[in-house]
Amino acid sequence: YEIEISKDKLMPTLNGFDLIKDGSGSDLIRIIWGFTLSLLSISNLNNGNHSGLVIIDEPAQQSIENKDLYSFIEDLVNNFNDSQIIMAITLNNNELEKYIQNRSDINILHIEDMAVKPL
């Protein structure tokens, strides 16, 4: 595999495949998550200047299966415990809600109503 990072947009390409133009929206968001977490990981390994803060908005909206979402969350909890990961997620799935609420290693801020609404 030949992975390159473009000089102008700092986006990865794989064997010349342009991930933005040729990939699907859900593929692109997963690539962004991977790229963002890779930057954090490399910074942590090399005492870099990353703030240690990553915000992930609604990962379940990207047609991700529950088992894959759980794996993603496990990776965040197990590999980034020295960082601050904020994940906004709508718990509209009983299985997902039970999974999240049964975790003692995740702090939950439950918002009953809309988080953002008109005054």
Protein backbone atom coordinates (compact mmCIF):
# COMPACT_ATOMS: atom_id res chain seq x y z
CA TYR A 1 0.00 0.00 0.00
CA GLU A 2 1.16 3.50 -0.74
CA ILE A 3 -0.30 6.00 1.71
CA GLU A 4 0.45 9.66 1.15
CA ILE A 5 -0.63 12.87 2.86
CA SER A 6 -1.40 15.68 0.43
CA LYS A 7 0.67 18.80 1.02
CA ASP A 8 -2.20 21.24 0.37
CA LYS A 9 -5.11 19.64 2.29
CA LEU A 10 -3.21 17.29 4.62
CA MET A 11 -5.62 14.49 3.66
CA PRO A 12 -4.51 10.89 3.18
CA THR A 13 -4.64 9.08 -0.16
CA LEU A 14 -4.26 5.34 -0.62
CA ASN A 15 -2.62 4.14 -3.83
CA GLY A 16 -3.71 7.39 -5.50
CA PHE A 17 -7.35 6.92 -4.40
CA ASP A 18 -8.74 10.34 -3.41
CA LEU A 19 -10.74 9.62 -0.30
CA ILE A 20 -12.72 12.85 -0.47
CA LYS A 21 -13.76 12.70 -4.13
CA ASP A 22 -14.03 8.93 -4.52
CA GLY A 23 -15.21 7.76 -1.09
CA SER A 24 -18.65 7.74 0.50
CA GLY A 25 -19.64 10.18 3.24
CA SER A 26 -19.57 7.48 5.93
CA ASP A 27 -16.15 6.31 4.71
CA LEU A 28 -14.87 9.86 4.89
CA ILE A 29 -16.04 10.43 8.46
CA ARG A 30 -14.41 7.18 9.57
CA ILE A 31 -11.18 8.28 7.89
CA ILE A 32 -11.39 11.63 9.67
CA TRP A 33 -11.89 9.85 13.01
CA GLY A 34 -8.89 7.62 12.32
CA PHE A 35 -6.74 10.52 11.16
CA THR A 36 -7.72 12.70 14.14
CA LEU A 37 -7.07 9.93 16.66
CA SER A 38 -3.78 9.08 14.93
CA LEU A 39 -2.62 12.68 15.38
CA LEU A 40 -3.53 12.48 19.07
CA SER A 41 -1.81 9.11 19.46
CA ILE A 42 1.42 10.23 17.77
CA SER A 43 1.44 13.43 19.81
CA ASN A 44 0.98 11.44 23.04
CA LEU A 45 3.81 9.03 22.09
CA ASN A 46 6.21 11.85 21.26
CA ASN A 47 5.22 14.40 23.91
CA GLY A 48 3.77 16.61 21.19
CA ASN A 49 1.66 19.70 21.59
CA HIS A 50 -1.81 18.23 20.92
CA SER A 51 -4.34 19.65 23.38
CA GLY A 52 -5.51 16.12 24.20
CA LEU A 53 -9.11 17.06 23.41
CA VAL A 54 -11.13 15.33 20.69
CA ILE A 55 -14.84 15.89 20.08
CA ILE A 56 -16.80 13.28 18.15
CA ASP A 57 -20.34 14.12 17.05
CA GLU A 58 -22.93 11.36 16.63
CA PRO A 59 -20.82 8.38 15.49
CA ALA A 60 -23.95 6.20 15.34
CA GLN A 61 -25.36 8.41 12.54
CA GLN A 62 -22.75 7.02 10.15
CA SER A 63 -24.59 3.70 9.66
CA ILE A 64 -22.21 1.98 12.04
CA GLU A 65 -23.32 -1.35 13.48
CA ASN A 66 -23.64 -1.55 17.27
CA LYS A 67 -20.76 -4.04 17.59
CA ASP A 68 -18.49 -1.69 15.61
CA LEU A 69 -19.57 1.31 17.68
CA TYR A 70 -18.84 -0.64 20.88
CA SER A 71 -15.41 -1.54 19.50
CA PHE A 72 -14.78 2.13 18.67
CA ILE A 73 -15.77 3.17 22.21
CA GLU A 74 -13.58 0.40 23.69
CA ASP A 75 -10.64 1.71 21.67
CA LEU A 76 -11.22 5.25 22.92
CA VAL A 77 -11.48 4.14 26.55
CA ASN A 78 -8.49 1.76 26.43
CA ASN A 79 -6.06 3.79 24.33
CA PHE A 80 -6.80 7.42 25.09
CA ASN A 81 -7.36 7.48 28.86
CA ASP A 82 -4.91 10.39 29.27
CA SER A 83 -6.94 12.49 26.84
CA GLN A 84 -10.35 14.13 26.94
CA ILE A 85 -12.73 12.53 24.43
CA ILE A 86 -16.17 14.10 24.23
CA MET A 87 -18.73 12.13 22.26
CA ALA A 88 -22.21 13.44 21.56
CA ILE A 89 -24.51 10.51 20.95
CA THR A 90 -28.27 10.11 20.77
CA LEU A 91 -29.36 7.12 22.81
CA ASN A 92 -32.38 6.11 20.75
CA ASN A 93 -31.47 2.43 20.76
CA ASN A 94 -32.18 0.37 23.91
CA GLU A 95 -29.15 -1.87 23.39
CA LEU A 96 -26.83 1.12 22.92
CA GLU A 97 -28.32 2.94 25.91
CA LYS A 98 -27.81 -0.13 28.13
CA TYR A 99 -24.22 -0.52 26.89
CA ILE A 100 -23.35 3.12 27.61
CA GLN A 101 -25.06 3.23 31.02
CA ASN A 102 -23.35 0.01 32.18
CA ARG A 103 -19.88 1.50 31.65
CA SER A 104 -18.17 2.73 34.82
CA ASP A 105 -15.29 4.18 32.79
CA ILE A 106 -17.47 6.65 30.87
CA ASN A 107 -18.84 9.87 32.36
CA ILE A 108 -22.34 10.57 31.07
CA LEU A 109 -23.95 13.98 30.82
CA HIS A 110 -27.58 13.19 30.01
CA ILE A 111 -29.46 16.05 28.33
CA GLU A 112 -33.22 15.54 28.60
CA ASP A 113 -34.30 18.14 26.07
CA MET A 114 -32.54 19.62 23.06
CA ALA A 115 -28.97 20.66 23.77
CA VAL A 116 -29.35 23.67 21.47
CA LYS A 117 -32.69 25.38 21.04
CA PRO A 118 -34.05 28.84 20.18
CA LEU A 119 -34.40 31.34 23.00
